[in-house]
Amino acid sequence: MLKAGRPQEEMRRHNLGALLRQVHLGGPISRAELAERMGLNRSTIMALTAELTSAGLVREELPKENGKAGRPSLVVRPESERVYVLAFDVRVDRLVAARVGLGGTILDRREAVRARAGADLDDVVGVLAEFGRQMDGGASPGSVCVGVGAAYCGMIRPGDGTVRFGPNMGWVDQAFGAELGVRLGLGLPVSVGNEAHLGALAEHERGVGIGHRNLVYLHGDVGVGGGIIVGGKLLDGDGGYGCELGHMIVNPYDGRPCGCGSRGCLEAEVGEQALFDAAGRSGLMGREGVRAVVDAAEGGDVVAREALHRIGDWLGIGVANLINLFNPGLVIFGGMLREIYRGSAAQIHDRVAANVLVISRERVRLRTAALGDDATLVGGAELAFSKVLANPLEVLAEATADPVAGEREALTRTTS
């Protein structure tokens, strides 16, 4: 909603952000296409692109020969090498970091194994901060970091990036965002989101969910998380802790114990450990272990196949409940659930056919995440880009300001 008081300035700021978002998410696009998509005349589009070009956020180029008569419309491209964010993905057993250019281009990347050793805030922050400093230091001269975003496998307090509860690693009220910001030393706040929420947003904006206004994203990473898009917006709940789909109760009477303290949660019945126990493979771990069970089932291993059938049946019950509740057009399986779906799609579809209202299942489609294992990392990057997309010129100006000069100016104001 536009603020009252300065309608022309607010409209200009809104249009600059909307145009930059089009280029950021859709890639190179002509002025003519921008005018059509945004419902603005060409002179307004020309003025907006001129401002963004002058700021170094986009550039304009002549299109390649297309054989059409008449004067060609200039193509607007994001300045991916010049404007970037740092994105981090904290998984149960892996830490991933990337420098991501405007437009979604991954320019640099780092990964490290994370030991499953309990509350390890200092270790996690230390590794990620070092990765971040390396990648920022390797950026081209004249380039600028406009944000930092992180996905974490737990419940995140909106606003300050505190991990309120990470059931699979024992994190409780850990100041992850603040600590990472201090250790990075870039003078930028770190925006933190729940990994499955960010995965849902990433698939909605850049993956298989493009064009779907209502979808459910299920993410597996040892446990199970979820994100729900309703009317094009993330369903976040009253305190920001909504869509904990993995803790929906599917087996209340003889269900397996869950790390949250309950029993029979979807996560407990379809998570990594449930699969390994059912397949008789207690020595396995992680996504490589899940892939090994799926590969064994495809190779004719009867025990592995029956384990996937059992897991798929429970997963199908959860999916059926979600379809009946939210009537999505799409259900997406991400993380390790992509592999589970590969080995148990028949059981999941059977449950949907048997337990979902006929009208609700008419149009729904079940798909795996198009962004693969990077869905949550991409979500972290998009979280970091959100401020510059909302207010491009002011955020860029703040990011390029001399921090020492800014501190000196602030000190002068307080002492005068």
Protein backbone atom coordinates (compact mmCIF):
# COMPACT_ATOMS: atom_id res chain seq x y z
CA MET A 1 0.00 0.00 0.00
CA LEU A 2 1.29 3.46 -0.89
CA LYS A 3 1.88 5.83 2.01
CA ALA A 4 -0.02 9.10 2.28
CA GLY A 5 1.76 12.47 2.18
CA ARG A 6 4.05 12.18 -0.83
CA PRO A 7 2.05 10.20 -3.39
CA GLN A 8 4.22 11.02 -6.42
CA GLU A 9 7.46 10.06 -4.68
CA GLU A 10 5.90 6.91 -3.24
CA MET A 11 4.54 5.94 -6.66
CA ARG A 12 7.96 6.46 -8.24
CA ARG A 13 9.63 4.34 -5.55
CA HIS A 14 7.01 1.64 -5.96
CA ASN A 15 7.44 1.57 -9.74
CA LEU A 16 11.24 1.45 -9.50
CA GLY A 17 11.00 -1.55 -7.20
CA ALA A 18 8.37 -3.25 -9.36
CA LEU A 19 10.48 -2.82 -12.49
CA LEU A 20 13.63 -4.07 -10.79
CA ARG A 21 11.71 -7.09 -9.50
CA GLN A 22 10.57 -7.91 -13.05
CA VAL A 23 14.18 -7.88 -14.26
CA HIS A 24 15.49 -9.69 -11.18
CA LEU A 25 13.01 -12.57 -11.36
CA GLY A 26 12.35 -12.74 -15.08
CA GLY A 27 15.77 -11.97 -16.51
CA PRO A 28 16.50 -9.76 -19.54
CA ILE A 29 13.34 -8.12 -20.81
CA SER A 30 12.56 -5.41 -23.35
CA ARG A 31 11.18 -2.01 -22.48
CA ALA A 32 8.08 -2.84 -24.51
CA GLU A 33 7.44 -6.02 -22.49
CA LEU A 34 7.98 -4.13 -19.24
CA ALA A 35 5.43 -1.51 -20.28
CA GLU A 36 2.89 -4.24 -21.07
CA ARG A 37 3.45 -6.20 -17.87
CA MET A 38 3.45 -3.17 -15.58
CA GLY A 39 0.63 -1.28 -17.30
CA LEU A 40 2.78 1.84 -17.76
CA ASN A 41 3.48 3.91 -20.86
CA ARG A 42 6.84 3.67 -22.60
CA SER A 43 8.03 7.11 -21.58
CA THR A 44 7.53 6.20 -17.91
CA ILE A 45 9.38 2.91 -18.42
CA MET A 46 12.22 4.80 -20.12
CA ALA A 47 12.49 7.21 -17.17
CA LEU A 48 12.49 4.37 -14.62
CA THR A 49 15.12 2.31 -16.46
CA ALA A 50 17.26 5.43 -16.83
CA GLU A 51 17.28 5.90 -13.05
CA LEU A 52 18.10 2.26 -12.38
CA THR A 53 20.81 2.30 -15.06
CA SER A 54 22.38 5.44 -13.61
CA ALA A 55 22.46 3.77 -10.19
CA GLY A 56 24.19 0.72 -11.64
CA LEU A 57 21.37 -1.73 -10.91
CA VAL A 58 20.53 -2.56 -14.53
CA ARG A 59 21.94 -1.94 -17.98
CA GLU A 60 20.24 -1.51 -21.35
CA GLU A 61 21.35 -3.14 -24.57
CA LEU A 62 20.20 -3.44 -28.13
CA PRO A 63 18.48 -6.78 -28.71
CA LYS A 64 19.92 -9.39 -31.00
CA GLU A 65 18.61 -9.31 -34.55
CA ASN A 66 15.07 -10.66 -34.60
CA GLY A 67 14.12 -9.95 -38.20
CA LYS A 68 11.26 -7.66 -37.24
CA ALA A 69 10.74 -4.33 -38.96
CA GLY A 70 10.83 -1.06 -37.02
CA ARG A 71 12.94 0.33 -34.24
CA PRO A 72 13.89 -2.37 -31.71
CA SER A 73 13.03 -1.96 -28.04
CA LEU A 74 16.06 -1.88 -25.74
CA VAL A 75 16.56 -4.91 -23.49
CA VAL A 76 16.99 -4.32 -19.75
CA ARG A 77 19.38 -6.67 -17.92
CA PRO A 78 20.29 -6.96 -14.22
CA GLU A 79 23.81 -5.93 -13.20
CA SER A 80 24.55 -9.33 -11.69
CA GLU A 81 28.29 -8.84 -11.26
CA ARG A 82 27.99 -5.41 -9.63
CA VAL A 83 25.08 -5.90 -7.21
CA TYR A 84 24.94 -9.00 -5.04
CA VAL A 85 23.87 -10.51 -1.72
CA LEU A 86 25.35 -13.14 0.56
CA ALA A 87 23.09 -16.15 1.18
CA PHE A 88 23.50 -18.91 3.76
CA ASP A 89 21.71 -22.22 4.25
CA VAL A 90 22.05 -24.01 7.60
CA ARG A 91 20.97 -27.62 7.25
CA VAL A 92 21.18 -30.34 9.86
CA ASP A 93 24.32 -31.87 8.35
CA ARG A 94 25.64 -29.25 5.93
CA LEU A 95 26.44 -25.53 5.76
CA VAL A 96 26.12 -23.77 2.39
CA ALA A 97 27.07 -20.20 1.48
CA ALA A 98 26.83 -18.31 -1.79
CA ARG A 99 27.37 -14.89 -3.31
CA VAL A 100 24.34 -14.32 -5.50
CA GLY A 101 24.12 -11.58 -8.10
CA LEU A 102 21.05 -9.53 -8.92
CA GLY A 103 18.96 -11.70 -11.21
CA GLY A 104 19.64 -14.83 -9.15
CA THR A 105 23.04 -15.75 -10.62
CA ILE A 106 25.24 -17.71 -8.20
CA LEU A 107 28.65 -16.04 -8.52
CA ASP A 108 30.54 -17.91 -5.79
CA ARG A 109 29.78 -20.81 -3.49
CA ARG A 110 31.15 -22.61 -0.43
CA GLU A 111 30.06 -25.76 1.45
CA ALA A 112 31.09 -27.57 4.61
CA VAL A 113 29.93 -30.64 6.48
CA ARG A 114 28.11 -29.88 9.75
CA ALA A 115 28.54 -32.43 12.50
CA ARG A 116 25.33 -33.47 14.22
CA ALA A 117 26.68 -32.36 17.57
CA GLY A 118 23.90 -30.42 19.27
CA ALA A 119 23.73 -26.68 19.94
CA ASP A 120 26.68 -25.49 17.83
CA LEU A 121 25.97 -21.77 17.33
CA ASP A 122 29.59 -20.68 17.63
CA ASP A 123 30.84 -23.30 15.15
CA VAL A 124 28.09 -22.57 12.62
CA VAL A 125 28.56 -18.80 12.80
CA GLY A 126 32.34 -19.15 12.58
CA VAL A 127 32.24 -21.24 9.40
CA LEU A 128 29.59 -19.10 7.69
CA ALA A 129 31.27 -15.82 8.62
CA GLU A 130 34.57 -17.01 7.17
CA PHE A 131 32.83 -18.12 3.98
CA GLY A 132 31.06 -14.77 3.76
CA ARG A 133 34.24 -12.76 4.20
CA GLN A 134 36.03 -14.85 1.57
CA MET A 135 33.27 -14.39 -0.98
CA ASP A 136 32.82 -10.69 -0.27
CA GLY A 137 36.57 -10.18 -0.55
CA GLY A 138 36.58 -11.98 -3.91
CA ALA A 139 33.94 -9.73 -5.45
CA SER A 140 34.91 -7.45 -8.35
CA PRO A 141 36.13 -3.93 -7.51
CA GLY A 142 33.23 -1.48 -7.52
CA SER A 143 30.64 -4.15 -6.75
CA VAL A 144 28.36 -3.81 -3.73
CA CYS A 145 26.67 -6.17 -1.28
CA VAL A 146 23.08 -5.03 -0.68
CA GLY A 147 21.93 -7.66 1.82
CA VAL A 148 22.55 -10.86 3.76
CA GLY A 149 19.98 -13.66 4.11
CA ALA A 150 20.01 -17.04 5.80
CA ALA A 151 17.78 -20.10 5.87
CA TYR A 152 17.78 -22.11 9.11
CA CYS A 153 16.20 -25.50 9.87
CA GLY A 154 14.10 -24.32 12.81
CA MET A 155 11.53 -21.85 14.06
CA ILE A 156 12.73 -18.27 13.59
CA ARG A 157 11.54 -15.19 15.47
CA PRO A 158 10.65 -12.52 12.90
CA GLY A 159 12.67 -9.35 13.10
CA ASP A 160 15.88 -10.36 14.86
CA GLY A 161 16.78 -13.76 13.40
CA THR A 162 16.69 -15.62 16.71
CA VAL A 163 16.24 -19.39 16.43
CA ARG A 164 13.49 -20.04 18.96
CA PHE A 165 13.52 -23.81 18.50
CA GLY A 166 15.57 -26.16 16.32
CA PRO A 167 14.32 -29.60 17.34
CA ASN A 168 16.83 -31.69 15.43
CA MET A 169 19.91 -29.89 16.81
CA GLY A 170 18.74 -28.69 20.23
CA TRP A 171 18.87 -24.96 19.48
CA VAL A 172 16.65 -22.92 21.81
CA ASP A 173 16.61 -19.09 21.72
CA GLN A 174 19.94 -18.81 19.89
CA ALA A 175 20.77 -15.31 18.54
CA PHE A 176 21.87 -16.64 15.17
CA GLY A 177 21.15 -13.58 13.00
CA ALA A 178 22.76 -11.09 15.36
CA GLU A 179 25.87 -13.22 15.94
CA LEU A 180 26.38 -13.87 12.25
CA GLY A 181 26.03 -10.16 11.48
CA VAL A 182 28.69 -9.25 14.04
CA ARG A 183 31.14 -11.93 12.87
CA LEU A 184 30.70 -11.01 9.20
CA GLY A 185 31.64 -7.42 9.98
CA LEU A 186 30.00 -5.97 6.87
CA GLY A 187 27.76 -3.49 8.67
CA LEU A 188 24.68 -5.23 7.29
CA PRO A 189 21.91 -6.93 9.27
CA VAL A 190 21.29 -10.61 8.60
CA SER A 191 17.72 -11.53 7.66
CA VAL A 192 16.88 -15.08 8.77
CA GLY A 193 13.95 -17.27 7.74
CA ASN A 194 12.73 -20.81 8.28
CA GLU A 195 14.23 -23.00 5.56
CA ALA A 196 10.93 -24.51 4.40
CA HIS A 197 9.21 -21.11 4.30
CA LEU A 198 12.04 -19.79 2.15
CA GLY A 199 11.99 -22.91 -0.01
CA ALA A 200 8.30 -22.34 -0.68
CA LEU A 201 8.95 -18.73 -1.68
CA ALA A 202 11.86 -19.74 -3.90
CA GLU A 203 9.86 -22.40 -5.74
CA HIS A 204 6.96 -19.95 -6.08
CA GLU A 205 9.15 -17.22 -7.59
CA ARG A 206 11.83 -19.18 -9.45
CA GLY A 207 10.88 -22.85 -9.55
CA VAL A 208 8.08 -25.20 -10.42
CA GLY A 209 5.54 -22.99 -8.61
CA ILE A 210 5.80 -20.02 -10.99
CA GLY A 211 2.28 -18.97 -11.95
CA HIS A 212 0.62 -20.79 -9.03
CA ARG A 213 -1.00 -18.53 -6.45
CA ASN A 214 -1.78 -21.38 -4.05
CA LEU A 215 0.72 -24.12 -3.30
CA VAL A 216 2.10 -26.33 -0.53
CA TYR A 217 5.83 -26.97 -0.24
CA LEU A 218 7.05 -29.91 1.87
CA HIS A 219 10.74 -29.97 2.73
CA GLY A 220 12.71 -32.88 4.15
CA ASP A 221 16.07 -32.42 5.92
CA VAL A 222 16.22 -35.20 8.55
CA GLY A 223 12.84 -33.89 9.75
CA VAL A 224 10.03 -32.35 7.72
CA GLY A 225 9.08 -28.69 7.37
CA GLY A 226 6.68 -26.83 5.15
CA GLY A 227 5.63 -23.60 3.58
CA ILE A 228 2.20 -22.65 2.23
CA ILE A 229 1.54 -19.95 -0.35
CA VAL A 230 -2.02 -18.60 -0.27
CA GLY A 231 -3.10 -16.00 -2.81
CA GLY A 232 0.55 -15.44 -3.76
CA LYS A 233 1.63 -14.74 -0.16
CA LEU A 234 3.38 -16.89 2.43
CA LEU A 235 1.09 -18.05 5.23
CA ASP A 236 3.20 -17.18 8.27
CA GLY A 237 0.88 -17.41 11.29
CA ASP A 238 0.26 -15.00 14.15
CA GLY A 239 3.82 -15.07 15.50
CA GLY A 240 5.62 -16.06 12.31
CA TYR A 241 5.78 -19.72 13.29
CA GLY A 242 3.06 -21.09 11.02
CA CYS A 243 3.17 -24.01 8.58
CA GLU A 244 5.03 -26.47 10.80
CA LEU A 245 3.61 -29.19 8.58
CA GLY A 246 6.01 -31.81 9.89
CA HIS A 247 4.30 -31.63 13.29
CA MET A 248 0.85 -32.35 11.98
CA ILE A 249 -0.32 -35.48 13.84
CA VAL A 250 -0.99 -38.37 11.44
CA ASN A 251 -0.61 -41.37 13.77
CA PRO A 252 -1.78 -40.44 17.29
CA TYR A 253 -2.22 -43.92 18.80
CA ASP A 254 0.95 -45.88 18.08
CA GLY A 255 3.04 -43.23 16.39
CA ARG A 256 6.80 -42.92 16.57
CA PRO A 257 8.29 -40.40 19.04
CA CYS A 258 9.17 -37.03 17.55
CA GLY A 259 11.97 -34.63 18.44
CA CYS A 260 9.36 -32.00 19.33
CA GLY A 261 8.18 -34.13 22.28
CA SER A 262 5.01 -35.43 20.66
CA ARG A 263 4.30 -38.75 18.95
CA GLY A 264 2.97 -39.64 15.53
CA CYS A 265 3.96 -36.37 13.82
CA LEU A 266 4.31 -36.48 10.04
CA GLU A 267 8.04 -35.83 10.56
CA ALA A 268 8.35 -38.84 12.85
CA GLU A 269 6.55 -41.16 10.42
CA VAL A 270 8.24 -40.08 7.16
CA GLY A 271 11.58 -38.56 8.25
CA GLU A 272 15.06 -39.88 7.64
CA GLN A 273 15.19 -42.16 10.69
CA ALA A 274 11.77 -43.68 9.99
CA LEU A 275 12.93 -44.67 6.51
CA PHE A 276 16.23 -46.17 7.69
CA ASP A 277 14.52 -48.13 10.48
CA ALA A 278 11.89 -49.51 8.09
CA ALA A 279 14.57 -50.45 5.56
CA GLY A 280 16.79 -52.08 8.19
CA ARG A 281 19.64 -49.68 7.42
CA SER A 282 20.56 -48.18 10.76
CA GLY A 283 24.08 -47.27 9.64
CA LEU A 284 22.95 -44.80 6.98
CA MET A 285 22.65 -41.04 7.37
CA GLY A 286 21.72 -37.93 5.37
CA ARG A 287 20.47 -37.48 1.86
CA GLU A 288 23.07 -39.87 0.50
CA GLY A 289 21.56 -42.55 2.75
CA VAL A 290 18.04 -41.76 1.56
CA ARG A 291 19.20 -42.01 -2.06
CA ALA A 292 20.85 -45.34 -1.28
CA VAL A 293 17.54 -46.78 -0.01
CA VAL A 294 15.65 -45.47 -3.04
CA ASP A 295 18.30 -46.85 -5.41
CA ALA A 296 18.15 -50.21 -3.64
CA ALA A 297 14.37 -50.32 -4.02
CA GLU A 298 14.65 -49.54 -7.72
CA GLY A 299 17.23 -52.30 -7.99
CA GLY A 300 14.81 -54.88 -6.60
CA ASP A 301 15.55 -54.84 -2.85
CA VAL A 302 12.23 -56.01 -1.37
CA VAL A 303 12.83 -54.61 2.15
CA ALA A 304 13.79 -51.18 0.78
CA ARG A 305 10.76 -51.19 -1.50
CA GLU A 306 8.38 -52.07 1.33
CA ALA A 307 9.95 -49.36 3.51
CA LEU A 308 9.31 -46.75 0.82
CA HIS A 309 5.74 -48.00 0.42
CA ARG A 310 5.15 -47.57 4.16
CA ILE A 311 6.75 -44.11 4.27
CA GLY A 312 4.87 -43.10 1.13
CA ASP A 313 1.56 -44.13 2.67
CA TRP A 314 2.11 -41.90 5.72
CA LEU A 315 3.31 -39.06 3.51
CA GLY A 316 0.21 -39.50 1.35
CA ILE A 317 -2.01 -39.16 4.43
CA GLY A 318 -0.31 -35.88 5.29
CA VAL A 319 -0.60 -34.60 1.72
CA ALA A 320 -4.27 -35.56 1.56
CA ASN A 321 -4.96 -33.58 4.75
CA LEU A 322 -3.15 -30.54 3.36
CA ILE A 323 -5.01 -30.64 0.05
CA ASN A 324 -8.36 -30.87 1.83
CA LEU A 325 -7.41 -27.95 4.09
CA PHE A 326 -5.87 -25.54 1.58
CA ASN A 327 -7.04 -26.56 -1.89
CA PRO A 328 -3.64 -25.85 -3.51
CA GLY A 329 -3.00 -26.09 -7.22
CA LEU A 330 0.38 -27.64 -6.54
CA VAL A 331 2.12 -29.73 -3.89
CA ILE A 332 5.93 -29.63 -4.11
CA PHE A 333 8.35 -32.10 -2.54
CA GLY A 334 11.75 -30.61 -1.66
CA GLY A 335 14.92 -31.68 0.12
CA MET A 336 15.12 -35.41 0.80
CA LEU A 337 11.40 -35.72 0.06
CA ARG A 338 12.28 -35.43 -3.62
CA GLU A 339 13.95 -38.82 -3.29
CA ILE A 340 11.13 -40.23 -1.15
CA TYR A 341 8.61 -39.14 -3.78
CA ARG A 342 10.67 -40.82 -6.49
CA GLY A 343 10.36 -44.13 -4.65
CA SER A 344 6.81 -43.85 -3.32
CA ALA A 345 4.80 -41.73 -5.76
CA ALA A 346 2.26 -44.51 -6.31
CA GLN A 347 1.38 -44.73 -2.60
CA ILE A 348 1.08 -40.95 -2.30
CA HIS A 349 -1.19 -40.70 -5.34
CA ASP A 350 -3.31 -43.59 -4.04
CA ARG A 351 -3.87 -41.75 -0.74
CA VAL A 352 -4.78 -38.55 -2.56
CA ALA A 353 -7.27 -40.46 -4.72
CA ALA A 354 -8.79 -42.22 -1.72
CA ASN A 355 -8.85 -39.44 0.88
CA VAL A 356 -9.09 -36.06 -0.89
CA LEU A 357 -12.45 -34.53 -1.76
CA VAL A 358 -13.16 -35.03 -5.44
CA ILE A 359 -13.49 -31.33 -6.20
CA SER A 360 -10.24 -30.49 -4.38
CA ARG A 361 -8.22 -33.08 -6.27
CA GLU A 362 -9.51 -32.14 -9.71
CA ARG A 363 -6.71 -29.69 -10.47
CA VAL A 364 -3.98 -30.33 -7.92
CA ARG A 365 -0.62 -31.53 -9.22
CA LEU A 366 2.22 -33.20 -7.29
CA ARG A 367 5.75 -32.20 -8.32
CA THR A 368 9.34 -32.25 -7.07
CA ALA A 369 11.25 -29.02 -6.47
CA ALA A 370 12.70 -27.59 -9.67
CA LEU A 371 15.50 -25.85 -7.72
CA GLY A 372 16.62 -29.15 -6.22
CA ASP A 373 18.82 -28.96 -3.12
CA ASP A 374 19.28 -25.22 -3.69
CA ALA A 375 15.65 -24.26 -3.05
CA THR A 376 16.32 -23.10 0.52
CA LEU A 377 19.59 -21.35 -0.42
CA VAL A 378 17.78 -19.49 -3.21
CA GLY A 379 15.10 -18.56 -0.67
CA GLY A 380 17.79 -17.10 1.60
CA ALA A 381 19.11 -15.03 -1.31
CA GLU A 382 15.63 -13.72 -2.15
CA LEU A 383 15.16 -12.74 1.50
CA ALA A 384 18.39 -10.74 1.28
CA PHE A 385 17.27 -9.04 -1.95
CA SER A 386 13.86 -8.04 -0.56
CA LYS A 387 14.92 -4.63 0.76
CA VAL A 388 16.64 -3.46 -2.41
CA LEU A 389 13.68 -4.66 -4.49
CA ALA A 390 11.30 -2.64 -2.30
CA ASN A 391 13.39 0.57 -2.34
CA PRO A 392 16.19 0.25 -4.90
CA LEU A 393 17.86 3.65 -4.91
CA GLU A 394 17.87 4.34 -1.18
CA VAL A 395 19.07 0.85 -0.21
CA LEU A 396 21.82 0.96 -2.82
CA ALA A 397 22.87 4.43 -1.61
CA GLU A 398 23.10 3.14 1.97
CA ALA A 399 25.10 0.10 0.87
CA THR A 400 27.62 2.19 -1.07
CA ALA A 401 28.01 4.89 1.61
CA ASP A 402 31.36 5.17 3.38
CA PRO A 403 30.68 3.57 6.80
CA VAL A 404 33.53 5.49 8.45
CA ALA A 405 32.18 8.79 7.14
CA GLY A 406 28.71 7.81 8.31
CA GLU A 407 29.93 7.06 11.83
CA ARG A 408 31.83 10.38 11.90
CA GLU A 409 28.70 12.26 10.80
CA ALA A 410 26.58 10.53 13.46
CA LEU A 411 29.14 11.38 16.15
CA THR A 412 29.16 15.02 15.04
CA ARG A 413 25.37 15.22 15.33
CA THR A 414 25.35 13.73 18.84
CA THR A 415 28.09 16.05 20.14
CA SER A 416 26.88 19.30 18.55
